[in-house]
């Protein structure tokens, strides 16, 4: 959804600046500030100290309407967020947006004045349509027995479109009931998301990669 907004030309018409920065698990204020500047300014060389980076960012944002995406955020360190967000709060025209994508609700609490928007999960029918499309079902492997197994796999995807898409691609070249059942009955579904930091459906796709691709 964030990507759709970011590349939507009609939506972006009203913004002077935009930037997309992947934050991931390691949120460093200085490095993230530097990455934002790199996205919006070609003249970002030679800036090392945090103060110089923040001053440069303030200058770039001044009297501009901006749309900044911070993707895949995990940190809920309130002090870090307070320091990082200072240039955005003090500068920028009305309607400027800093959009964070995260799987953790407490991240929104840590970023002051950040209102969370919860994305609903797909229904089972929609989830099945995503898996079936990516598996080229029924064109390449359209058997009733496979659909029955596929719909059970979809229930385990728990309405997550990325899981359905990934597993659909994995099943595209598999035409036997035994192969589909291996996916359905895999022990990986029982892995803890909190400990593995990745949804089980993606772990399954990883374990089915060729050894040279796993690296």
N, C-alpha and C. Protein backbone atom coordinates (compact mmCIF):
# COMPACT_ATOMS: atom_id res chain seq x y z
N UNK A 1 0.83 -1.20 0.00
CA UNK A 1 0.00 0.00 0.00
C UNK A 1 0.87 1.26 0.00
N UNK A 2 1.94 1.23 0.80
CA UNK A 2 2.85 2.37 0.83
C UNK A 2 3.52 2.57 -0.53
N UNK A 3 3.90 1.47 -1.18
CA UNK A 3 4.52 1.57 -2.50
C UNK A 3 3.53 2.14 -3.52
N UNK A 4 2.28 1.71 -3.41
CA UNK A 4 1.26 2.21 -4.34
C UNK A 4 1.12 3.72 -4.22
N UNK A 5 1.12 4.23 -2.99
CA UNK A 5 1.06 5.67 -2.79
C UNK A 5 2.29 6.37 -3.37
N UNK A 6 3.45 5.76 -3.11
CA UNK A 6 4.72 6.38 -3.47
C UNK A 6 4.89 6.52 -4.98
N UNK A 7 4.39 5.56 -5.73
CA UNK A 7 4.57 5.61 -7.19
C UNK A 7 3.34 6.15 -7.92
N UNK A 8 2.31 6.55 -7.16
CA UNK A 8 1.09 7.07 -7.76
C UNK A 8 1.31 8.53 -8.17
N UNK A 9 1.43 8.77 -9.45
CA UNK A 9 1.76 10.10 -9.96
C UNK A 9 0.70 11.13 -9.58
N UNK A 10 -0.57 10.74 -9.62
CA UNK A 10 -1.65 11.67 -9.30
C UNK A 10 -1.57 12.11 -7.84
N UNK A 11 -1.32 11.14 -6.95
CA UNK A 11 -1.21 11.45 -5.52
C UNK A 11 0.01 12.32 -5.23
N UNK A 12 1.11 12.06 -5.92
CA UNK A 12 2.37 12.74 -5.62
C UNK A 12 2.47 14.14 -6.23
N UNK A 13 1.49 14.52 -7.02
CA UNK A 13 1.54 15.84 -7.66
C UNK A 13 1.69 16.99 -6.66
N UNK A 14 1.10 16.84 -5.50
CA UNK A 14 1.12 17.95 -4.53
C UNK A 14 2.36 18.03 -3.68
N UNK A 15 3.32 17.11 -3.86
CA UNK A 15 4.51 17.09 -3.01
C UNK A 15 5.74 17.59 -3.77
N UNK A 16 6.57 18.35 -3.04
CA UNK A 16 7.81 18.87 -3.62
C UNK A 16 8.96 17.88 -3.49
N UNK A 17 8.95 17.10 -2.41
CA UNK A 17 10.03 16.15 -2.14
C UNK A 17 9.45 14.81 -1.74
N UNK A 18 10.13 13.74 -2.12
CA UNK A 18 9.74 12.43 -1.61
C UNK A 18 11.00 11.58 -1.43
N UNK A 19 10.91 10.64 -0.49
CA UNK A 19 12.04 9.75 -0.21
C UNK A 19 11.52 8.44 0.35
N UNK A 20 12.19 7.35 -0.02
CA UNK A 20 11.86 6.02 0.50
C UNK A 20 13.12 5.45 1.13
N UNK A 21 13.07 5.19 2.44
CA UNK A 21 14.23 4.68 3.16
C UNK A 21 13.84 3.41 3.91
N UNK A 22 14.57 2.34 3.66
CA UNK A 22 14.35 1.09 4.38
C UNK A 22 15.12 1.13 5.70
N UNK A 23 14.40 1.03 6.81
CA UNK A 23 15.02 1.14 8.13
C UNK A 23 15.39 -0.24 8.68
N UNK A 24 14.48 -1.18 8.60
CA UNK A 24 14.65 -2.55 9.07
C UNK A 24 14.93 -2.58 10.58
N UNK A 25 15.56 -3.66 11.06
CA UNK A 25 15.68 -3.86 12.51
C UNK A 25 16.65 -2.89 13.18
N UNK A 26 17.70 -2.53 12.48
CA UNK A 26 18.72 -1.68 13.08
C UNK A 26 18.43 -0.21 12.76
N UNK A 27 17.80 0.49 13.70
CA UNK A 27 17.46 1.89 13.51
C UNK A 27 18.53 2.77 14.15
N UNK A 28 19.35 3.39 13.30
CA UNK A 28 20.36 4.32 13.77
C UNK A 28 19.96 5.72 13.30
N UNK A 29 19.85 6.65 14.24
CA UNK A 29 19.36 7.99 13.92
C UNK A 29 20.23 8.68 12.88
N UNK A 30 21.55 8.64 13.08
CA UNK A 30 22.47 9.33 12.16
C UNK A 30 22.39 8.73 10.76
N UNK A 31 22.46 7.40 10.69
CA UNK A 31 22.47 6.73 9.39
C UNK A 31 21.14 6.92 8.66
N UNK A 32 20.04 6.84 9.38
CA UNK A 32 18.73 7.02 8.75
C UNK A 32 18.54 8.45 8.27
N UNK A 33 19.02 9.42 9.06
CA UNK A 33 18.96 10.82 8.64
C UNK A 33 19.78 11.02 7.36
N UNK A 34 20.98 10.43 7.33
CA UNK A 34 21.84 10.52 6.16
C UNK A 34 21.16 9.92 4.92
N UNK A 35 20.50 8.80 5.10
CA UNK A 35 19.83 8.13 3.98
C UNK A 35 18.66 8.95 3.44
N UNK A 36 17.95 9.64 4.32
CA UNK A 36 16.86 10.51 3.87
C UNK A 36 17.43 11.65 3.02
N UNK A 37 18.51 12.26 3.50
CA UNK A 37 19.14 13.37 2.76
C UNK A 37 19.61 12.90 1.39
N UNK A 38 20.22 11.72 1.34
CA UNK A 38 20.69 11.19 0.06
C UNK A 38 19.56 11.06 -0.95
N UNK A 39 18.37 10.71 -0.45
CA UNK A 39 17.23 10.52 -1.34
C UNK A 39 16.70 11.84 -1.90
N UNK A 40 16.79 12.91 -1.11
CA UNK A 40 16.15 14.16 -1.54
C UNK A 40 17.14 15.22 -2.02
N UNK A 41 18.45 14.99 -1.80
CA UNK A 41 19.43 16.00 -2.18
C UNK A 41 20.66 15.38 -2.82
N UNK A 42 21.06 15.87 -3.99
CA UNK A 42 22.28 15.36 -4.64
C UNK A 42 23.55 15.89 -3.96
N UNK A 43 23.41 16.94 -3.15
CA UNK A 43 24.58 17.57 -2.52
C UNK A 43 24.67 17.18 -1.05
N UNK A 44 24.85 15.89 -0.81
CA UNK A 44 24.87 15.41 0.58
C UNK A 44 26.24 14.89 0.98
N UNK A 45 27.24 15.13 0.18
CA UNK A 45 28.58 14.62 0.47
C UNK A 45 29.23 15.46 1.57
N UNK A 46 30.07 14.80 2.36
CA UNK A 46 30.85 15.53 3.36
C UNK A 46 30.13 15.81 4.66
N UNK A 47 28.93 15.32 4.82
CA UNK A 47 28.19 15.55 6.05
C UNK A 47 28.41 14.35 6.97
N UNK A 48 29.04 14.59 8.12
CA UNK A 48 29.38 13.49 9.01
C UNK A 48 28.68 13.59 10.35
N UNK A 49 28.75 14.76 10.99
CA UNK A 49 28.20 14.89 12.33
C UNK A 49 26.68 14.93 12.29
N UNK A 50 26.06 14.53 13.39
CA UNK A 50 24.60 14.51 13.48
C UNK A 50 24.04 15.92 13.33
N UNK A 51 24.71 16.90 13.92
CA UNK A 51 24.25 18.28 13.84
C UNK A 51 24.24 18.78 12.40
N UNK A 52 25.32 18.50 11.67
CA UNK A 52 25.40 18.96 10.28
C UNK A 52 24.35 18.25 9.42
N UNK A 53 24.08 16.98 9.71
CA UNK A 53 23.06 16.24 8.96
C UNK A 53 21.67 16.81 9.23
N UNK A 54 21.38 17.09 10.50
CA UNK A 54 20.06 17.64 10.82
C UNK A 54 19.87 19.03 10.25
N UNK A 55 20.92 19.84 10.28
CA UNK A 55 20.82 21.19 9.71
C UNK A 55 20.59 21.11 8.19
N UNK A 56 21.29 20.19 7.55
CA UNK A 56 21.11 20.02 6.11
C UNK A 56 19.70 19.54 5.79
N UNK A 57 19.18 18.64 6.62
CA UNK A 57 17.83 18.14 6.40
C UNK A 57 16.79 19.24 6.60
N UNK A 58 16.97 20.03 7.65
CA UNK A 58 16.06 21.16 7.89
C UNK A 58 16.04 22.10 6.70
N UNK A 59 17.22 22.38 6.14
CA UNK A 59 17.32 23.27 4.98
C UNK A 59 16.58 22.70 3.78
N UNK A 60 16.72 21.39 3.55
CA UNK A 60 16.06 20.74 2.41
C UNK A 60 14.55 20.74 2.57
N UNK A 61 14.07 20.59 3.81
CA UNK A 61 12.63 20.48 4.06
C UNK A 61 11.94 21.84 4.17
N UNK A 62 12.71 22.88 4.40
CA UNK A 62 12.14 24.21 4.63
C UNK A 62 11.26 24.67 3.46
N UNK A 63 10.05 25.08 3.79
CA UNK A 63 9.08 25.59 2.81
C UNK A 63 8.77 24.59 1.70
N UNK A 64 8.88 23.32 2.02
CA UNK A 64 8.56 22.25 1.06
C UNK A 64 7.48 21.35 1.66
N UNK A 65 6.70 20.78 0.76
CA UNK A 65 5.74 19.75 1.18
C UNK A 65 6.37 18.40 0.83
N UNK A 66 6.58 17.56 1.83
CA UNK A 66 7.33 16.33 1.60
C UNK A 66 6.51 15.09 1.95
N UNK A 67 6.92 13.99 1.31
CA UNK A 67 6.33 12.67 1.58
C UNK A 67 7.49 11.70 1.79
N UNK A 68 7.72 11.33 3.04
CA UNK A 68 8.85 10.47 3.40
C UNK A 68 8.32 9.14 3.91
N UNK A 69 8.81 8.04 3.31
CA UNK A 69 8.42 6.70 3.76
C UNK A 69 9.60 6.05 4.48
N UNK A 70 9.35 5.61 5.70
CA UNK A 70 10.33 4.83 6.46
C UNK A 70 9.79 3.41 6.52
N UNK A 71 10.42 2.54 5.77
CA UNK A 71 9.88 1.20 5.54
C UNK A 71 10.44 0.16 6.49
N UNK A 72 9.58 -0.75 6.94
CA UNK A 72 9.97 -1.91 7.75
C UNK A 72 10.65 -1.48 9.05
N UNK A 73 9.92 -0.71 9.84
CA UNK A 73 10.45 -0.17 11.10
C UNK A 73 10.14 -1.14 12.25
N UNK A 74 11.14 -1.36 13.11
CA UNK A 74 10.96 -2.23 14.28
C UNK A 74 11.22 -1.50 15.60
N UNK A 75 12.04 -0.47 15.59
CA UNK A 75 12.47 0.17 16.82
C UNK A 75 11.33 0.96 17.49
N UNK A 76 11.21 0.78 18.81
CA UNK A 76 10.24 1.56 19.59
C UNK A 76 10.98 2.40 20.64
N UNK A 77 12.20 2.78 20.31
CA UNK A 77 13.02 3.61 21.21
C UNK A 77 12.55 5.06 21.09
N UNK A 78 11.81 5.53 22.09
CA UNK A 78 11.23 6.87 22.04
C UNK A 78 12.25 7.98 21.95
N UNK A 79 13.40 7.84 22.63
CA UNK A 79 14.44 8.88 22.60
C UNK A 79 15.03 9.01 21.19
N UNK A 80 15.29 7.87 20.55
CA UNK A 80 15.82 7.91 19.19
C UNK A 80 14.83 8.58 18.24
N UNK A 81 13.57 8.22 18.37
CA UNK A 81 12.57 8.80 17.47
C UNK A 81 12.39 10.29 17.70
N UNK A 82 12.48 10.71 18.95
CA UNK A 82 12.36 12.14 19.25
C UNK A 82 13.47 12.93 18.57
N UNK A 83 14.69 12.42 18.63
CA UNK A 83 15.83 13.08 17.98
C UNK A 83 15.69 13.07 16.46
N UNK A 84 15.29 11.93 15.93
CA UNK A 84 15.21 11.79 14.48
C UNK A 84 14.13 12.68 13.88
N UNK A 85 12.97 12.80 14.57
CA UNK A 85 11.82 13.49 13.99
C UNK A 85 11.89 15.01 14.09
N UNK A 86 12.84 15.54 14.86
CA UNK A 86 12.90 16.99 15.08
C UNK A 86 12.88 17.82 13.79
N UNK A 87 13.70 17.52 12.79
CA UNK A 87 13.66 18.34 11.56
C UNK A 87 12.32 18.28 10.83
N UNK A 88 11.64 17.16 10.92
CA UNK A 88 10.36 17.01 10.23
C UNK A 88 9.25 17.81 10.92
N UNK A 89 9.33 17.90 12.25
CA UNK A 89 8.30 18.64 12.99
C UNK A 89 8.50 20.15 12.85
N UNK A 90 9.73 20.58 12.73
CA UNK A 90 10.03 22.02 12.71
C UNK A 90 9.99 22.61 11.31
N UNK A 91 9.95 21.77 10.29
CA UNK A 91 10.03 22.26 8.92
C UNK A 91 8.97 21.58 8.06
N UNK A 92 8.82 22.08 6.86
CA UNK A 92 7.86 21.48 5.94
C UNK A 92 6.53 22.20 5.94
N UNK A 93 5.91 22.25 4.79
CA UNK A 93 4.61 22.91 4.64
C UNK A 93 3.48 22.01 5.11
N UNK A 94 2.33 22.60 5.28
CA UNK A 94 1.14 21.88 5.72
C UNK A 94 0.83 20.74 4.74
N UNK A 95 0.49 19.58 5.30
CA UNK A 95 0.18 18.43 4.46
C UNK A 95 1.36 17.51 4.25
N UNK A 96 2.54 17.87 4.80
CA UNK A 96 3.71 16.99 4.69
C UNK A 96 3.46 15.70 5.48
N UNK A 97 4.04 14.61 5.00
CA UNK A 97 3.76 13.30 5.59
C UNK A 97 5.05 12.51 5.81
N UNK A 98 5.16 11.91 7.00
CA UNK A 98 6.16 10.88 7.25
C UNK A 98 5.39 9.60 7.52
N UNK A 99 5.53 8.63 6.63
CA UNK A 99 4.77 7.38 6.72
C UNK A 99 5.69 6.24 7.11
N UNK A 100 5.36 5.55 8.20
CA UNK A 100 6.14 4.39 8.65
C UNK A 100 5.37 3.12 8.35
N UNK A 101 6.06 2.10 7.87
CA UNK A 101 5.45 0.78 7.76
C UNK A 101 6.10 -0.13 8.80
N UNK A 102 5.27 -0.86 9.51
CA UNK A 102 5.77 -1.70 10.60
C UNK A 102 4.78 -2.80 10.90
N UNK A 103 5.27 -3.86 11.53
CA UNK A 103 4.39 -4.93 12.01
C UNK A 103 4.14 -4.79 13.51
N UNK A 104 4.77 -3.80 14.15
CA UNK A 104 4.68 -3.64 15.59
C UNK A 104 3.87 -2.41 15.97
N UNK A 105 2.77 -2.64 16.68
CA UNK A 105 1.89 -1.54 17.06
C UNK A 105 2.59 -0.55 17.99
N UNK A 106 3.50 -1.04 18.85
CA UNK A 106 4.16 -0.16 19.81
C UNK A 106 5.11 0.83 19.15
N UNK A 107 5.47 0.59 17.88
CA UNK A 107 6.31 1.56 17.15
C UNK A 107 5.56 2.89 17.02
N UNK A 108 4.28 2.81 16.71
CA UNK A 108 3.47 4.03 16.56
C UNK A 108 3.41 4.81 17.86
N UNK A 109 3.37 4.11 19.00
CA UNK A 109 3.33 4.79 20.29
C UNK A 109 4.63 5.52 20.57
N UNK A 110 5.73 4.96 20.08
CA UNK A 110 7.04 5.56 20.34
C UNK A 110 7.26 6.82 19.50
N UNK A 111 6.63 6.89 18.32
CA UNK A 111 6.78 8.05 17.45
C UNK A 111 5.63 9.00 17.75
N UNK A 112 5.92 10.09 18.42
CA UNK A 112 4.88 11.00 18.87
C UNK A 112 4.03 11.52 17.71
N UNK A 113 2.74 11.67 17.96
CA UNK A 113 1.78 12.17 16.96
C UNK A 113 1.66 11.26 15.75
N UNK A 114 2.01 10.00 15.91
CA UNK A 114 1.90 9.04 14.80
C UNK A 114 0.66 8.19 15.03
N UNK A 115 -0.33 8.34 14.15
CA UNK A 115 -1.57 7.59 14.28
C UNK A 115 -1.49 6.30 13.46
N UNK A 116 -1.68 5.14 14.11
CA UNK A 116 -1.58 3.88 13.36
C UNK A 116 -2.80 3.61 12.49
N UNK A 117 -2.56 3.03 11.33
CA UNK A 117 -3.62 2.57 10.43
C UNK A 117 -3.41 1.08 10.24
N UNK A 118 -4.38 0.30 10.67
CA UNK A 118 -4.23 -1.15 10.64
C UNK A 118 -4.76 -1.72 9.33
N UNK A 119 -3.90 -2.46 8.64
CA UNK A 119 -4.29 -3.09 7.37
C UNK A 119 -5.00 -4.40 7.67
N UNK A 120 -6.20 -4.53 7.14
CA UNK A 120 -6.97 -5.76 7.37
C UNK A 120 -6.40 -6.91 6.56
N UNK A 121 -6.56 -8.11 7.08
CA UNK A 121 -6.12 -9.30 6.37
C UNK A 121 -7.10 -9.63 5.24
N UNK A 122 -6.61 -10.39 4.26
CA UNK A 122 -7.47 -10.82 3.16
C UNK A 122 -8.43 -11.91 3.64
N UNK A 123 -9.60 -11.96 3.00
CA UNK A 123 -10.50 -13.08 3.26
C UNK A 123 -9.89 -14.34 2.66
N UNK A 124 -10.38 -15.50 3.07
CA UNK A 124 -9.83 -16.76 2.55
C UNK A 124 -10.00 -16.86 1.04
N UNK A 125 -11.15 -16.38 0.51
CA UNK A 125 -11.37 -16.45 -0.94
C UNK A 125 -10.38 -15.57 -1.69
N UNK A 126 -10.14 -14.36 -1.19
CA UNK A 126 -9.17 -13.47 -1.83
C UNK A 126 -7.77 -14.06 -1.73
N UNK A 127 -7.48 -14.60 -0.55
CA UNK A 127 -6.16 -15.19 -0.33
C UNK A 127 -5.93 -16.37 -1.29
N UNK A 128 -6.98 -17.17 -1.48
CA UNK A 128 -6.88 -18.29 -2.42
C UNK A 128 -6.66 -17.79 -3.84
N UNK A 129 -7.33 -16.71 -4.22
CA UNK A 129 -7.17 -16.18 -5.57
C UNK A 129 -5.74 -15.71 -5.81
N UNK A 130 -5.10 -15.14 -4.78
CA UNK A 130 -3.70 -14.70 -4.89
C UNK A 130 -2.79 -15.91 -5.05
N UNK A 131 -2.99 -16.93 -4.22
CA UNK A 131 -2.16 -18.13 -4.31
C UNK A 131 -2.36 -18.83 -5.65
N UNK A 132 -3.62 -18.96 -6.06
CA UNK A 132 -3.92 -19.66 -7.31
C UNK A 132 -3.32 -18.95 -8.51
N UNK A 133 -3.40 -17.62 -8.52
CA UNK A 133 -2.85 -16.85 -9.64
C UNK A 133 -1.34 -17.05 -9.74
N UNK A 134 -0.66 -17.00 -8.60
CA UNK A 134 0.79 -17.15 -8.61
C UNK A 134 1.23 -18.58 -8.84
N UNK A 135 0.35 -19.54 -8.56
CA UNK A 135 0.66 -20.94 -8.82
C UNK A 135 0.24 -21.36 -10.23
N UNK A 136 -0.30 -20.38 -11.02
CA UNK A 136 -0.84 -20.68 -12.36
C UNK A 136 -1.87 -21.82 -12.28
N UNK A 137 -2.68 -21.75 -11.26
CA UNK A 137 -3.72 -22.76 -11.08
C UNK A 137 -5.02 -22.20 -11.66
N UNK A 138 -5.75 -22.91 -12.50
CA UNK A 138 -5.59 -24.32 -12.84
C UNK A 138 -4.83 -24.59 -14.14
N UNK A 139 -4.26 -23.55 -14.79
CA UNK A 139 -3.65 -23.74 -16.10
C UNK A 139 -2.59 -24.83 -16.11
N UNK A 140 -1.67 -24.80 -15.13
CA UNK A 140 -0.54 -25.73 -15.18
C UNK A 140 -0.71 -26.95 -14.30
N UNK A 141 -1.56 -26.85 -13.29
CA UNK A 141 -1.68 -27.98 -12.36
C UNK A 141 -3.09 -28.06 -11.76
N UNK A 142 -4.08 -27.88 -12.59
CA UNK A 142 -5.45 -27.76 -12.12
C UNK A 142 -6.13 -29.07 -11.79
N UNK A 143 -5.88 -29.61 -10.63
CA UNK A 143 -6.55 -30.82 -10.19
C UNK A 143 -7.33 -30.52 -8.92
N UNK A 144 -8.50 -31.15 -8.79
CA UNK A 144 -9.36 -30.90 -7.64
C UNK A 144 -8.65 -31.23 -6.33
N UNK A 145 -7.84 -32.30 -6.35
CA UNK A 145 -7.13 -32.70 -5.14
C UNK A 145 -6.14 -31.62 -4.71
N UNK A 146 -5.50 -30.96 -5.70
CA UNK A 146 -4.53 -29.91 -5.37
C UNK A 146 -5.24 -28.67 -4.83
N UNK A 147 -6.41 -28.36 -5.39
CA UNK A 147 -7.15 -27.21 -4.89
C UNK A 147 -7.56 -27.42 -3.43
N UNK A 148 -7.97 -28.62 -3.10
CA UNK A 148 -8.35 -28.91 -1.72
C UNK A 148 -7.18 -28.68 -0.77
N UNK A 149 -5.99 -29.14 -1.17
CA UNK A 149 -4.80 -28.92 -0.34
C UNK A 149 -4.44 -27.44 -0.31
N UNK A 150 -4.53 -26.80 -1.49
CA UNK A 150 -4.19 -25.39 -1.59
C UNK A 150 -5.04 -24.51 -0.69
N UNK A 151 -6.30 -24.83 -0.57
CA UNK A 151 -7.19 -24.04 0.29
C UNK A 151 -6.86 -24.25 1.77
N UNK A 152 -6.34 -25.42 2.11
CA UNK A 152 -5.88 -25.65 3.48
C UNK A 152 -4.61 -24.84 3.76
N UNK A 153 -3.74 -24.75 2.75
CA UNK A 153 -2.53 -23.93 2.89
C UNK A 153 -2.92 -22.47 3.08
N UNK A 154 -3.92 -22.03 2.34
CA UNK A 154 -4.38 -20.65 2.42
C UNK A 154 -4.84 -20.31 3.84
N UNK A 155 -5.50 -21.25 4.51
CA UNK A 155 -5.94 -20.99 5.88
C UNK A 155 -4.75 -20.71 6.79
N UNK A 156 -3.63 -21.39 6.53
CA UNK A 156 -2.43 -21.18 7.33
C UNK A 156 -1.74 -19.86 6.99
N UNK A 157 -2.02 -19.33 5.81
CA UNK A 157 -1.45 -18.03 5.44
C UNK A 157 -2.05 -16.90 6.26
N UNK A 158 -3.20 -17.18 6.89
CA UNK A 158 -3.81 -16.24 7.83
C UNK A 158 -4.09 -14.87 7.21
N UNK A 159 -4.49 -14.87 5.93
CA UNK A 159 -4.89 -13.62 5.30
C UNK A 159 -3.77 -12.70 4.88
N UNK A 160 -2.52 -13.19 4.91
CA UNK A 160 -1.38 -12.35 4.54
C UNK A 160 -1.07 -12.52 3.06
N UNK A 161 -1.23 -11.47 2.26
CA UNK A 161 -1.05 -11.59 0.82
C UNK A 161 0.37 -11.98 0.41
N UNK A 162 1.38 -11.50 1.14
CA UNK A 162 2.76 -11.83 0.80
C UNK A 162 3.00 -13.34 0.96
N UNK A 163 2.39 -13.92 2.00
CA UNK A 163 2.53 -15.35 2.22
C UNK A 163 1.88 -16.13 1.08
N UNK A 164 0.67 -15.73 0.69
CA UNK A 164 -0.05 -16.42 -0.38
C UNK A 164 0.70 -16.28 -1.71
N UNK A 165 1.25 -15.11 -1.97
CA UNK A 165 1.98 -14.88 -3.21
C UNK A 165 3.25 -15.73 -3.27
N UNK A 166 3.99 -15.75 -2.17
CA UNK A 166 5.25 -16.49 -2.12
C UNK A 166 5.03 -17.99 -2.28
N UNK A 167 4.05 -18.52 -1.55
CA UNK A 167 3.79 -19.95 -1.63
C UNK A 167 3.18 -20.33 -2.97
N UNK A 168 2.39 -19.43 -3.56
CA UNK A 168 1.85 -19.68 -4.89
C UNK A 168 2.95 -19.88 -5.91
N UNK A 169 3.96 -19.03 -5.84
CA UNK A 169 5.09 -19.16 -6.78
C UNK A 169 5.87 -20.44 -6.53
N UNK A 170 5.97 -20.82 -5.25
CA UNK A 170 6.66 -22.05 -4.91
C UNK A 170 5.93 -23.27 -5.48
N UNK A 171 4.59 -23.23 -5.49
CA UNK A 171 3.78 -24.37 -5.94
C UNK A 171 3.59 -24.41 -7.45
N UNK A 172 4.03 -23.37 -8.14
CA UNK A 172 3.79 -23.27 -9.58
C UNK A 172 4.35 -24.45 -10.35
N UNK A 173 5.50 -24.92 -9.94
CA UNK A 173 6.15 -26.00 -10.68
C UNK A 173 5.93 -27.38 -10.05
N UNK A 174 5.07 -27.42 -9.05
CA UNK A 174 4.82 -28.68 -8.36
C UNK A 174 3.44 -29.19 -8.77
N UNK A 175 3.38 -30.44 -9.24
CA UNK A 175 2.15 -30.96 -9.83
C UNK A 175 1.60 -32.19 -9.12
N UNK A 176 2.30 -32.65 -8.09
CA UNK A 176 1.87 -33.86 -7.40
C UNK A 176 1.25 -33.53 -6.05
N UNK A 177 0.27 -34.35 -5.67
CA UNK A 177 -0.38 -34.19 -4.38
C UNK A 177 0.65 -34.27 -3.25
N UNK A 178 1.62 -35.17 -3.39
CA UNK A 178 2.63 -35.35 -2.35
C UNK A 178 3.43 -34.06 -2.13
N UNK A 179 3.75 -33.37 -3.21
CA UNK A 179 4.55 -32.14 -3.09
C UNK A 179 3.76 -31.04 -2.41
N UNK A 180 2.49 -30.92 -2.75
CA UNK A 180 1.65 -29.91 -2.12
C UNK A 180 1.44 -30.25 -0.65
N UNK A 181 1.30 -31.53 -0.35
CA UNK A 181 1.11 -31.95 1.04
C UNK A 181 2.35 -31.67 1.89
N UNK A 182 3.54 -31.74 1.27
CA UNK A 182 4.77 -31.44 2.00
C UNK A 182 4.73 -30.00 2.52
N UNK A 183 4.23 -29.12 1.68
CA UNK A 183 4.12 -27.72 2.09
C UNK A 183 3.09 -27.57 3.20
N UNK A 184 1.96 -28.22 3.02
CA UNK A 184 0.87 -28.13 4.01
C UNK A 184 1.30 -28.66 5.37
N UNK A 185 2.04 -29.77 5.39
CA UNK A 185 2.37 -30.46 6.64
C UNK A 185 3.73 -30.05 7.21
N UNK A 186 4.38 -29.08 6.61
CA UNK A 186 5.72 -28.69 7.05
C UNK A 186 5.73 -28.24 8.51
N UNK A 187 6.80 -28.62 9.24
CA UNK A 187 6.97 -28.20 10.63
C UNK A 187 7.21 -26.69 10.74
N UNK A 188 7.61 -26.07 9.65
CA UNK A 188 7.95 -24.64 9.70
C UNK A 188 6.75 -23.79 10.09
N UNK A 189 5.54 -24.27 9.83
CA UNK A 189 4.35 -23.49 10.20
C UNK A 189 4.29 -23.24 11.70
N UNK A 190 4.95 -24.09 12.47
CA UNK A 190 4.90 -23.96 13.93
C UNK A 190 5.96 -23.01 14.48
N UNK A 191 6.83 -22.48 13.61
CA UNK A 191 7.87 -21.58 14.08
C UNK A 191 7.25 -20.32 14.68
N UNK A 192 7.90 -19.77 15.68
CA UNK A 192 7.44 -18.53 16.30
C UNK A 192 7.84 -17.33 15.44
N UNK A 193 6.85 -16.50 15.09
CA UNK A 193 7.14 -15.30 14.30
C UNK A 193 8.01 -14.34 15.11
N UNK A 194 7.77 -14.27 16.44
CA UNK A 194 8.53 -13.36 17.28
C UNK A 194 10.01 -13.72 17.29
N UNK A 195 10.31 -15.03 17.32
CA UNK A 195 11.70 -15.45 17.39
C UNK A 195 12.37 -15.45 16.02
N UNK A 196 11.63 -15.79 14.99
CA UNK A 196 12.24 -15.91 13.67
C UNK A 196 12.24 -14.60 12.90
N UNK A 197 11.39 -13.64 13.35
CA UNK A 197 11.28 -12.32 12.70
C UNK A 197 10.79 -12.42 11.25
N UNK A 198 10.20 -13.55 10.89
CA UNK A 198 9.71 -13.69 9.52
C UNK A 198 8.54 -14.66 9.54
N UNK A 199 7.55 -14.38 8.72
CA UNK A 199 6.36 -15.24 8.75
C UNK A 199 6.70 -16.63 8.23
N UNK A 200 6.10 -17.68 8.80
CA UNK A 200 6.45 -19.05 8.43
C UNK A 200 6.37 -19.32 6.94
N UNK A 201 5.41 -18.72 6.23
CA UNK A 201 5.28 -18.98 4.80
C UNK A 201 6.54 -18.60 4.05
N UNK A 202 7.23 -17.54 4.48
CA UNK A 202 8.45 -17.13 3.79
C UNK A 202 9.62 -18.04 4.18
N UNK A 203 9.59 -18.55 5.41
CA UNK A 203 10.63 -19.51 5.79
C UNK A 203 10.53 -20.77 4.94
N UNK A 204 9.30 -21.19 4.68
CA UNK A 204 9.10 -22.38 3.85
C UNK A 204 9.70 -22.16 2.46
N UNK A 205 9.45 -21.00 1.89
CA UNK A 205 9.98 -20.72 0.55
C UNK A 205 11.50 -20.71 0.58
N UNK A 206 12.08 -20.23 1.70
CA UNK A 206 13.54 -20.21 1.82
C UNK A 206 14.10 -21.64 1.82
N UNK A 207 13.50 -22.51 2.61
CA UNK A 207 14.03 -23.86 2.72
C UNK A 207 13.88 -24.66 1.43
N UNK A 208 13.04 -24.19 0.52
CA UNK A 208 12.88 -24.88 -0.76
C UNK A 208 13.75 -24.28 -1.86
N UNK A 209 14.54 -23.28 -1.53
CA UNK A 209 15.46 -22.73 -2.52
C UNK A 209 16.61 -23.70 -2.76
N UNK A 210 17.24 -23.57 -3.92
CA UNK A 210 18.46 -24.32 -4.18
C UNK A 210 19.56 -23.85 -3.21
N UNK A 211 20.48 -24.74 -2.84
CA UNK A 211 21.51 -24.38 -1.86
C UNK A 211 22.29 -23.11 -2.23
N UNK A 212 22.59 -22.93 -3.52
CA UNK A 212 23.38 -21.77 -3.90
C UNK A 212 22.59 -20.46 -3.78
N UNK A 213 21.26 -20.58 -3.82
CA UNK A 213 20.42 -19.39 -3.67
C UNK A 213 20.19 -19.03 -2.21
N UNK A 214 20.26 -20.00 -1.33
CA UNK A 214 20.03 -19.73 0.10
C UNK A 214 21.04 -18.71 0.65
N UNK A 215 22.26 -18.73 0.13
CA UNK A 215 23.29 -17.82 0.62
C UNK A 215 22.94 -16.38 0.30
